[in-house]
Amino acid sequence: FTANAFIPWVNEANLEKPVIAFLDGHKTHMSLQVSTL
């Protein structure tokens, strides 16, 4: 989702960076790969 939907949406919306994404802290929402992306 992060690679194919969220990051492209942020880029297409031309949001000023940095963008802050709030996550609920569940372990399935965090990984080194997501953090790096």
PDB file of all heavy atoms in Angstrom:
ATOM      1  N   PHE A   1       0.832  -1.203   0.000  1.00  0.00           N
ATOM      2  CA  PHE A   1       0.000   0.000   0.000  1.00  0.00           C
ATOM      3  C   PHE A   1       0.865   1.250   0.000  1.00  0.00           C
ATOM      4  O   PHE A   1       0.605   2.206  -0.748  1.00  0.00           O
ATOM      5  CB  PHE A   1      -0.942   0.018   1.201  1.00  0.00           C
ATOM      6  CG  PHE A   1      -1.677   1.318   1.341  1.00  0.00           C
ATOM      7  CD1 PHE A   1      -2.778   1.586   0.544  1.00  0.00           C
ATOM      8  CD2 PHE A   1      -1.269   2.276   2.246  1.00  0.00           C
ATOM      9  CE1 PHE A   1      -3.445   2.796   0.651  1.00  0.00           C
ATOM     10  CE2 PHE A   1      -1.930   3.478   2.368  1.00  0.00           C
ATOM     11  CZ  PHE A   1      -3.022   3.744   1.564  1.00  0.00           C
ATOM     12  N   THR A   2       1.885   1.257   0.832  1.00  0.00           N
ATOM     13  CA  THR A   2       2.755   2.429   0.930  1.00  0.00           C
ATOM     14  C   THR A   2       3.427   2.722  -0.398  1.00  0.00           C
ATOM     15  O   THR A   2       3.424   3.865  -0.872  1.00  0.00           O
ATOM     16  CB  THR A   2       3.825   2.214   2.022  1.00  0.00           C
ATOM     17  OG1 THR A   2       3.158   1.937   3.260  1.00  0.00           O
ATOM     18  CG2 THR A   2       4.708   3.431   2.179  1.00  0.00           C
ATOM     19  N   ALA A   3       3.992   1.700  -1.016  1.00  0.00           N
ATOM     20  CA  ALA A   3       4.736   1.886  -2.264  1.00  0.00           C
ATOM     21  C   ALA A   3       3.833   2.166  -3.459  1.00  0.00           C
ATOM     22  O   ALA A   3       4.172   2.985  -4.318  1.00  0.00           O
ATOM     23  CB  ALA A   3       5.595   0.649  -2.546  1.00  0.00           C
ATOM     24  N   ASN A   4       2.686   1.493  -3.531  1.00  0.00           N
ATOM     25  CA  ASN A   4       1.842   1.580  -4.728  1.00  0.00           C
ATOM     26  C   ASN A   4       0.700   2.576  -4.635  1.00  0.00           C
ATOM     27  O   ASN A   4       0.117   2.922  -5.663  1.00  0.00           O
ATOM     28  CB  ASN A   4       1.263   0.206  -5.058  1.00  0.00           C
ATOM     29  CG  ASN A   4       2.341  -0.784  -5.428  1.00  0.00           C
ATOM     30  OD1 ASN A   4       3.398  -0.413  -5.925  1.00  0.00           O
ATOM     31  ND2 ASN A   4       2.096  -2.046  -5.179  1.00  0.00           N
ATOM     32  N   ALA A   5       0.357   3.016  -3.430  1.00  0.00           N
ATOM     33  CA  ALA A   5      -0.783   3.920  -3.304  1.00  0.00           C
ATOM     34  C   ALA A   5      -0.436   5.199  -2.540  1.00  0.00           C
ATOM     35  O   ALA A   5      -0.656   6.293  -3.046  1.00  0.00           O
ATOM     36  CB  ALA A   5      -1.949   3.205  -2.614  1.00  0.00           C
ATOM     37  N   PHE A   6       0.100   5.063  -1.332  1.00  0.00           N
ATOM     38  CA  PHE A   6       0.285   6.246  -0.497  1.00  0.00           C
ATOM     39  C   PHE A   6       1.346   7.195  -1.040  1.00  0.00           C
ATOM     40  O   PHE A   6       1.087   8.394  -1.215  1.00  0.00           O
ATOM     41  CB  PHE A   6       0.608   5.849   0.949  1.00  0.00           C
ATOM     42  CG  PHE A   6       0.731   7.029   1.867  1.00  0.00           C
ATOM     43  CD1 PHE A   6      -0.371   7.831   2.129  1.00  0.00           C
ATOM     44  CD2 PHE A   6       1.935   7.346   2.458  1.00  0.00           C
ATOM     45  CE1 PHE A   6      -0.272   8.930   2.961  1.00  0.00           C
ATOM     46  CE2 PHE A   6       2.052   8.437   3.297  1.00  0.00           C
ATOM     47  CZ  PHE A   6       0.945   9.234   3.552  1.00  0.00           C
ATOM     48  N   ILE A   7       2.528   6.689  -1.317  1.00  0.00           N
ATOM     49  CA  ILE A   7       3.602   7.558  -1.817  1.00  0.00           C
ATOM     50  C   ILE A   7       3.231   8.173  -3.169  1.00  0.00           C
ATOM     51  O   ILE A   7       3.410   9.382  -3.357  1.00  0.00           O
ATOM     52  CB  ILE A   7       4.952   6.814  -1.861  1.00  0.00           C
ATOM     53  CG1 ILE A   7       5.414   6.536  -0.423  1.00  0.00           C
ATOM     54  CG2 ILE A   7       6.009   7.615  -2.615  1.00  0.00           C
ATOM     55  CD1 ILE A   7       6.665   5.687  -0.312  1.00  0.00           C
ATOM     56  N   PRO A   8       2.681   7.410  -4.125  1.00  0.00           N
ATOM     57  CA  PRO A   8       2.245   8.054  -5.375  1.00  0.00           C
ATOM     58  C   PRO A   8       1.178   9.133  -5.144  1.00  0.00           C
ATOM     59  O   PRO A   8       1.202  10.178  -5.794  1.00  0.00           O
ATOM     60  CB  PRO A   8       1.698   6.899  -6.209  1.00  0.00           C
ATOM     61  CG  PRO A   8       2.430   5.706  -5.713  1.00  0.00           C
ATOM     62  CD  PRO A   8       2.599   5.951  -4.231  1.00  0.00           C
ATOM     63  N   TRP A   9       0.247   8.893  -4.209  1.00  0.00           N
ATOM     64  CA  TRP A   9      -0.781   9.893  -3.917  1.00  0.00           C
ATOM     65  C   TRP A   9      -0.149  11.169  -3.357  1.00  0.00           C
ATOM     66  O   TRP A   9      -0.530  12.278  -3.759  1.00  0.00           O
ATOM     67  CB  TRP A   9      -1.807   9.342  -2.929  1.00  0.00           C
ATOM     68  CG  TRP A   9      -2.808  10.380  -2.547  1.00  0.00           C
ATOM     69  CD1 TRP A   9      -3.904  10.762  -3.255  1.00  0.00           C
ATOM     70  CD2 TRP A   9      -2.771  11.194  -1.371  1.00  0.00           C
ATOM     71  NE1 TRP A   9      -4.565  11.761  -2.579  1.00  0.00           N
ATOM     72  CE2 TRP A   9      -3.889  12.050  -1.420  1.00  0.00           C
ATOM     73  CE3 TRP A   9      -1.914  11.272  -0.283  1.00  0.00           C
ATOM     74  CZ2 TRP A   9      -4.168  12.978  -0.426  1.00  0.00           C
ATOM     75  CZ3 TRP A   9      -2.189  12.199   0.702  1.00  0.00           C
ATOM     76  CH2 TRP A   9      -3.302  13.030   0.629  1.00  0.00           C
ATOM     77  N   VAL A  10       0.799  11.022  -2.435  1.00  0.00           N
ATOM     78  CA  VAL A  10       1.482  12.194  -1.873  1.00  0.00           C
ATOM     79  C   VAL A  10       2.169  12.980  -2.989  1.00  0.00           C
ATOM     80  O   VAL A  10       2.074  14.208  -3.042  1.00  0.00           O
ATOM     81  CB  VAL A  10       2.502  11.765  -0.793  1.00  0.00           C
ATOM     82  CG1 VAL A  10       3.438  12.905  -0.417  1.00  0.00           C
ATOM     83  CG2 VAL A  10       1.793  11.236   0.440  1.00  0.00           C
ATOM     84  N   ASN A  11       2.828  12.284  -3.898  1.00  0.00           N
ATOM     85  CA  ASN A  11       3.522  12.957  -4.995  1.00  0.00           C
ATOM     86  C   ASN A  11       2.551  13.620  -5.968  1.00  0.00           C
ATOM     87  O   ASN A  11       2.778  14.752  -6.405  1.00  0.00           O
ATOM     88  CB  ASN A  11       4.433  11.972  -5.724  1.00  0.00           C
ATOM     89  CG  ASN A  11       5.591  11.529  -4.857  1.00  0.00           C
ATOM     90  OD1 ASN A  11       6.031  12.252  -3.965  1.00  0.00           O
ATOM     91  ND2 ASN A  11       6.084  10.334  -5.094  1.00  0.00           N
ATOM     92  N   GLU A  12       1.468  12.937  -6.317  1.00  0.00           N
ATOM     93  CA  GLU A  12       0.491  13.499  -7.256  1.00  0.00           C
ATOM     94  C   GLU A  12      -0.251  14.692  -6.656  1.00  0.00           C
ATOM     95  O   GLU A  12      -0.646  15.604  -7.384  1.00  0.00           O
ATOM     96  CB  GLU A  12      -0.514  12.422  -7.673  1.00  0.00           C
ATOM     97  CG  GLU A  12       0.090  11.365  -8.569  1.00  0.00           C
ATOM     98  CD  GLU A  12      -0.828  10.171  -8.778  1.00  0.00           C
ATOM     99  OE1 GLU A  12      -2.025  10.241  -8.400  1.00  0.00           O
ATOM    100  OE2 GLU A  12      -0.345   9.158  -9.309  1.00  0.00           O
ATOM    101  N   ALA A  13      -0.438  14.688  -5.355  1.00  0.00           N
ATOM    102  CA  ALA A  13      -1.140  15.791  -4.689  1.00  0.00           C
ATOM    103  C   ALA A  13      -0.233  17.008  -4.502  1.00  0.00           C
ATOM    104  O   ALA A  13      -0.692  18.057  -4.040  1.00  0.00           O
ATOM    105  CB  ALA A  13      -1.682  15.325  -3.342  1.00  0.00           C
ATOM    106  N   ASN A  14       1.039  16.880  -4.857  1.00  0.00           N
ATOM    107  CA  ASN A  14       2.018  17.960  -4.720  1.00  0.00           C
ATOM    108  C   ASN A  14       2.025  18.550  -3.312  1.00  0.00           C
ATOM    109  O   ASN A  14       2.060  19.757  -3.134  1.00  0.00           O
ATOM    110  CB  ASN A  14       1.757  19.064  -5.753  1.00  0.00           C
ATOM    111  CG  ASN A  14       2.020  18.594  -7.150  1.00  0.00           C
ATOM    112  OD1 ASN A  14       3.004  17.905  -7.408  1.00  0.00           O
ATOM    113  ND2 ASN A  14       1.135  18.937  -8.070  1.00  0.00           N
ATOM    114  N   LEU A  15       1.987  17.678  -2.325  1.00  0.00           N
ATOM    115  CA  LEU A  15       2.015  18.126  -0.932  1.00  0.00           C
ATOM    116  C   LEU A  15       3.405  18.632  -0.580  1.00  0.00           C
ATOM    117  O   LEU A  15       4.413  18.091  -1.037  1.00  0.00           O
ATOM    118  CB  LEU A  15       1.626  16.982   0.002  1.00  0.00           C
ATOM    119  CG  LEU A  15       0.226  16.409  -0.180  1.00  0.00           C
ATOM    120  CD1 LEU A  15       0.009  15.237   0.762  1.00  0.00           C
ATOM    121  CD2 LEU A  15      -0.825  17.477   0.044  1.00  0.00           C
ATOM    122  N   GLU A  16       3.425  19.675   0.231  1.00  0.00           N
ATOM    123  CA  GLU A  16       4.706  20.212   0.680  1.00  0.00           C
ATOM    124  C   GLU A  16       5.362  19.199   1.604  1.00  0.00           C
ATOM    125  O   GLU A  16       4.723  18.645   2.494  1.00  0.00           O
ATOM    126  CB  GLU A  16       4.477  21.526   1.416  1.00  0.00           C
ATOM    127  CG  GLU A  16       5.748  22.214   1.830  1.00  0.00           C
ATOM    128  CD  GLU A  16       5.491  23.552   2.491  1.00  0.00           C
ATOM    129  OE1 GLU A  16       4.408  24.126   2.286  1.00  0.00           O
ATOM    130  OE2 GLU A  16       6.376  23.996   3.230  1.00  0.00           O
ATOM    131  N   LYS A  17       6.623  18.946   1.387  1.00  0.00           N
ATOM    132  CA  LYS A  17       7.338  17.954   2.180  1.00  0.00           C
ATOM    133  C   LYS A  17       8.190  18.649   3.223  1.00  0.00           C
ATOM    134  O   LYS A  17       8.626  19.753   3.000  1.00  0.00           O
ATOM    135  CB  LYS A  17       8.187  17.087   1.257  1.00  0.00           C
ATOM    136  CG  LYS A  17       7.308  16.376   0.253  1.00  0.00           C
ATOM    137  CD  LYS A  17       7.835  15.051  -0.134  1.00  0.00           C
ATOM    138  CE  LYS A  17       6.851  14.390  -1.077  1.00  0.00           C
ATOM    139  NZ  LYS A  17       7.432  13.972  -2.298  1.00  0.00           N
ATOM    140  N   PRO A  18       8.406  18.056   4.325  1.00  0.00           N
ATOM    141  CA  PRO A  18       8.038  16.692   4.676  1.00  0.00           C
ATOM    142  C   PRO A  18       6.552  16.570   5.021  1.00  0.00           C
ATOM    143  O   PRO A  18       5.928  17.519   5.489  1.00  0.00           O
ATOM    144  CB  PRO A  18       8.902  16.366   5.891  1.00  0.00           C
ATOM    145  CG  PRO A  18       9.143  17.693   6.534  1.00  0.00           C
ATOM    146  CD  PRO A  18       9.171  18.693   5.406  1.00  0.00           C
ATOM    147  N   VAL A  19       6.010  15.397   4.785  1.00  0.00           N
ATOM    148  CA  VAL A  19       4.641  15.038   5.129  1.00  0.00           C
ATOM    149  C   VAL A  19       4.713  14.149   6.365  1.00  0.00           C
ATOM    150  O   VAL A  19       5.583  13.289   6.457  1.00  0.00           O
ATOM    151  CB  VAL A  19       3.973  14.271   3.963  1.00  0.00           C
ATOM    152  CG1 VAL A  19       2.637  13.699   4.368  1.00  0.00           C
ATOM    153  CG2 VAL A  19       3.837  15.171   2.749  1.00  0.00           C
ATOM    154  N   ILE A  20       3.809  14.370   7.313  1.00  0.00           N
ATOM    155  CA  ILE A  20       3.767  13.524   8.497  1.00  0.00           C
ATOM    156  C   ILE A  20       2.617  12.537   8.345  1.00  0.00           C
ATOM    157  O   ILE A  20       1.482  12.942   8.089  1.00  0.00           O
ATOM    158  CB  ILE A  20       3.582  14.344   9.783  1.00  0.00           C
ATOM    159  CG1 ILE A  20       4.748  15.310   9.961  1.00  0.00           C
ATOM    160  CG2 ILE A  20       3.459  13.422  10.996  1.00  0.00           C
ATOM    161  CD1 ILE A  20       4.594  16.245  11.131  1.00  0.00           C
ATOM    162  N   ALA A  21       2.906  11.256   8.484  1.00  0.00           N
ATOM    163  CA  ALA A  21       1.887  10.207   8.430  1.00  0.00           C
ATOM    164  C   ALA A  21       1.745   9.622   9.824  1.00  0.00           C
ATOM    165  O   ALA A  21       2.708   9.129  10.403  1.00  0.00           O
ATOM    166  CB  ALA A  21       2.276   9.129   7.432  1.00  0.00           C
ATOM    167  N   PHE A  22       0.537   9.692  10.364  1.00  0.00           N
ATOM    168  CA  PHE A  22       0.257   9.135  11.687  1.00  0.00           C
ATOM    169  C   PHE A  22      -0.196   7.696  11.534  1.00  0.00           C
ATOM    170  O   PHE A  22      -1.145   7.416  10.800  1.00  0.00           O
ATOM    171  CB  PHE A  22      -0.840   9.950  12.386  1.00  0.00           C
ATOM    172  CG  PHE A  22      -0.393  11.335  12.744  1.00  0.00           C
ATOM    173  CD1 PHE A  22      -0.596  12.384  11.879  1.00  0.00           C
ATOM    174  CD2 PHE A  22       0.230  11.579  13.960  1.00  0.00           C
ATOM    175  CE1 PHE A  22      -0.188  13.660  12.206  1.00  0.00           C
ATOM    176  CE2 PHE A  22       0.644  12.855  14.293  1.00  0.00           C
ATOM    177  CZ  PHE A  22       0.436  13.900  13.412  1.00  0.00           C
ATOM    178  N   LEU A  23       0.481   6.788  12.203  1.00  0.00           N
ATOM    179  CA  LEU A  23       0.138   5.373  12.173  1.00  0.00           C
ATOM    180  C   LEU A  23      -0.246   4.935  13.579  1.00  0.00           C
ATOM    181  O   LEU A  23       0.219   5.499  14.562  1.00  0.00           O
ATOM    182  CB  LEU A  23       1.317   4.536  11.677  1.00  0.00           C
ATOM    183  CG  LEU A  23       1.861   4.891  10.295  1.00  0.00           C
ATOM    184  CD1 LEU A  23       3.112   4.084  10.002  1.00  0.00           C
ATOM    185  CD2 LEU A  23       0.815   4.666   9.238  1.00  0.00           C
ATOM    186  N   ASP A  24      -1.076   3.900  13.653  1.00  0.00           N
ATOM    187  CA  ASP A  24      -1.572   3.485  14.965  1.00  0.00           C
ATOM    188  C   ASP A  24      -0.606   2.611  15.749  1.00  0.00           C
ATOM    189  O   ASP A  24      -0.929   2.138  16.818  1.00  0.00           O
ATOM    190  CB  ASP A  24      -2.926   2.803  14.853  1.00  0.00           C
ATOM    191  CG  ASP A  24      -2.880   1.488  14.113  1.00  0.00           C
ATOM    192  OD1 ASP A  24      -1.786   1.036  13.734  1.00  0.00           O
ATOM    193  OD2 ASP A  24      -3.956   0.909  13.919  1.00  0.00           O
ATOM    194  N   GLY A  25       0.577   2.402  15.284  1.00  0.00           N
ATOM    195  CA  GLY A  25       1.582   1.687  16.056  1.00  0.00           C
ATOM    196  C   GLY A  25       1.466   0.178  16.020  1.00  0.00           C
ATOM    197  O   GLY A  25       2.227  -0.509  16.693  1.00  0.00           O
ATOM    198  N   HIS A  26       0.520  -0.351  15.257  1.00  0.00           N
ATOM    199  CA  HIS A  26       0.409  -1.808  15.163  1.00  0.00           C
ATOM    200  C   HIS A  26       1.628  -2.343  14.425  1.00  0.00           C
ATOM    201  O   HIS A  26       2.107  -1.739  13.462  1.00  0.00           O
ATOM    202  CB  HIS A  26      -0.871  -2.198  14.423  1.00  0.00           C
ATOM    203  CG  HIS A  26      -1.195  -3.648  14.549  1.00  0.00           C
ATOM    204  ND1 HIS A  26      -0.696  -4.582  13.679  1.00  0.00           N
ATOM    205  CD2 HIS A  26      -1.959  -4.315  15.441  1.00  0.00           C
ATOM    206  CE1 HIS A  26      -1.140  -5.777  14.026  1.00  0.00           C
ATOM    207  NE2 HIS A  26      -1.917  -5.644  15.096  1.00  0.00           N
ATOM    208  N   LYS A  27       2.141  -3.480  14.876  1.00  0.00           N
ATOM    209  CA  LYS A  27       3.398  -3.993  14.319  1.00  0.00           C
ATOM    210  C   LYS A  27       3.317  -4.288  12.820  1.00  0.00           C
ATOM    211  O   LYS A  27       4.331  -4.242  12.135  1.00  0.00           O
ATOM    212  CB  LYS A  27       3.850  -5.235  15.080  1.00  0.00           C
ATOM    213  CG  LYS A  27       2.922  -6.420  14.949  1.00  0.00           C
ATOM    214  CD  LYS A  27       3.433  -7.607  15.747  1.00  0.00           C
ATOM    215  CE  LYS A  27       2.502  -8.785  15.602  1.00  0.00           C
ATOM    216  NZ  LYS A  27       2.968  -9.935  16.336  1.00  0.00           N
ATOM    217  N   THR A  28       2.125  -4.555  12.291  1.00  0.00           N
ATOM    218  CA  THR A  28       2.009  -4.825  10.854  1.00  0.00           C
ATOM    219  C   THR A  28       2.128  -3.561  10.016  1.00  0.00           C
ATOM    220  O   THR A  28       2.296  -3.639   8.805  1.00  0.00           O
ATOM    221  CB  THR A  28       0.673  -5.514  10.521  1.00  0.00           C
ATOM    222  OG1 THR A  28      -0.403  -4.646  10.892  1.00  0.00           O
ATOM    223  CG2 THR A  28       0.554  -6.844  11.232  1.00  0.00           C
ATOM    224  N   HIS A  29       2.052  -2.396  10.650  1.00  0.00           N
ATOM    225  CA  HIS A  29       2.142  -1.144   9.909  1.00  0.00           C
ATOM    226  C   HIS A  29       3.567  -0.610   9.841  1.00  0.00           C
ATOM    227  O   HIS A  29       3.792   0.395   9.184  1.00  0.00           O
ATOM    228  CB  HIS A  29       1.240  -0.088  10.541  1.00  0.00           C
ATOM    229  CG  HIS A  29      -0.202  -0.458  10.499  1.00  0.00           C
ATOM    230  ND1 HIS A  29      -1.107   0.041  11.386  1.00  0.00           N
ATOM    231  CD2 HIS A  29      -0.906  -1.281   9.690  1.00  0.00           C
ATOM    232  CE1 HIS A  29      -2.299  -0.449  11.126  1.00  0.00           C
ATOM    233  NE2 HIS A  29      -2.195  -1.267  10.096  1.00  0.00           N
ATOM    234  N   MET A  30       4.482  -1.261  10.518  1.00  0.00           N
ATOM    235  CA  MET A  30       5.859  -0.781  10.529  1.00  0.00           C
ATOM    236  C   MET A  30       6.831  -1.878  10.140  1.00  0.00           C
ATOM    237  O   MET A  30       6.700  -3.015  10.566  1.00  0.00           O
ATOM    238  CB  MET A  30       6.246  -0.280  11.921  1.00  0.00           C
ATOM    239  CG  MET A  30       5.942   1.175  12.157  1.00  0.00           C
ATOM    240  SD  MET A  30       6.625   2.283  10.916  1.00  0.00           S
ATOM    241  CE  MET A  30       8.368   1.974  11.033  1.00  0.00           C
ATOM    242  N   SER A  31       7.764  -1.500   9.311  1.00  0.00           N
ATOM    243  CA  SER A  31       8.870  -2.382   8.954  1.00  0.00           C
ATOM    244  C   SER A  31      10.013  -1.489   8.501  1.00  0.00           C
ATOM    245  O   SER A  31       9.816  -0.307   8.202  1.00  0.00           O
ATOM    246  CB  SER A  31       8.468  -3.353   7.840  1.00  0.00           C
ATOM    247  OG  SER A  31       8.297  -2.662   6.625  1.00  0.00           O
ATOM    248  N   LEU A  32      11.184  -2.050   8.426  1.00  0.00           N
ATOM    249  CA  LEU A  32      12.334  -1.291   7.946  1.00  0.00           C
ATOM    250  C   LEU A  32      12.104  -0.849   6.501  1.00  0.00           C
ATOM    251  O   LEU A  32      12.447   0.269   6.124  1.00  0.00           O
ATOM    252  CB  LEU A  32      13.612  -2.124   8.059  1.00  0.00           C
ATOM    253  CG  LEU A  32      14.891  -1.442   7.588  1.00  0.00           C
ATOM    254  CD1 LEU A  32      15.138  -0.145   8.358  1.00  0.00           C
ATOM    255  CD2 LEU A  32      16.064  -2.377   7.727  1.00  0.00           C
ATOM    256  N   GLN A  33      11.475  -1.703   5.704  1.00  0.00           N
ATOM    257  CA  GLN A  33      11.223  -1.375   4.305  1.00  0.00           C
ATOM    258  C   GLN A  33      10.267  -0.175   4.187  1.00  0.00           C
ATOM    259  O   GLN A  33      10.511   0.738   3.407  1.00  0.00           O
ATOM    260  CB  GLN A  33      10.658  -2.583   3.571  1.00  0.00           C
ATOM    261  CG  GLN A  33      10.539  -2.379   2.077  1.00  0.00           C
ATOM    262  CD  GLN A  33      10.074  -3.641   1.360  1.00  0.00           C
ATOM    263  OE1 GLN A  33       9.630  -4.592   1.980  1.00  0.00           O
ATOM    264  NE2 GLN A  33      10.183  -3.630   0.053  1.00  0.00           N
ATOM    265  N   VAL A  34       9.179  -0.176   4.971  1.00  0.00           N
ATOM    266  CA  VAL A  34       8.236   0.948   4.946  1.00  0.00           C
ATOM    267  C   VAL A  34       8.930   2.219   5.427  1.00  0.00           C
ATOM    268  O   VAL A  34       8.783   3.291   4.831  1.00  0.00           O
ATOM    269  CB  VAL A  34       6.990   0.648   5.803  1.00  0.00           C
ATOM    270  CG1 VAL A  34       6.155   1.902   6.001  1.00  0.00           C
ATOM    271  CG2 VAL A  34       6.154  -0.438   5.173  1.00  0.00           C
ATOM    272  N   SER A  35       9.690   2.110   6.495  1.00  0.00           N
ATOM    273  CA  SER A  35      10.407   3.256   7.024  1.00  0.00           C
ATOM    274  C   SER A  35      11.368   3.838   5.991  1.00  0.00           C
ATOM    275  O   SER A  35      11.435   5.054   5.805  1.00  0.00           O
ATOM    276  CB  SER A  35      11.157   2.850   8.283  1.00  0.00           C
ATOM    277  OG  SER A  35      11.843   3.940   8.825  1.00  0.00           O
ATOM    278  N   THR A  36      12.090   2.996   5.302  1.00  0.00           N
ATOM    279  CA  THR A  36      13.035   3.444   4.276  1.00  0.00           C
ATOM    280  C   THR A  36      12.314   4.087   3.097  1.00  0.00           C
ATOM    281  O   THR A  36      12.727   5.148   2.614  1.00  0.00           O
ATOM    282  CB  THR A  36      13.904   2.259   3.797  1.00  0.00           C
ATOM    283  OG1 THR A  36      14.581   1.708   4.920  1.00  0.00           O
ATOM    284  CG2 THR A  36      14.915   2.701   2.763  1.00  0.00           C
ATOM    285  N   LEU A  37      11.229   3.463   2.630  1.00  0.00           N
ATOM    286  CA  LEU A  37      10.447   4.032   1.525  1.00  0.00           C
ATOM    287  C   LEU A  37       9.949   5.429   1.880  1.00  0.00           C
ATOM    288  O   LEU A  37      10.055   6.358   1.071  1.00  0.00           O
ATOM    289  CB  LEU A  37       9.250   3.133   1.198  1.00  0.00           C
ATOM    290  CG  LEU A  37       9.499   1.856   0.419  1.00  0.00           C
ATOM    291  CD1 LEU A  37       8.242   0.986   0.407  1.00  0.00           C
ATOM    292  CD2 LEU A  37       9.904   2.185  -1.010  1.00  0.00           C
TER     293      LEU A  37
END
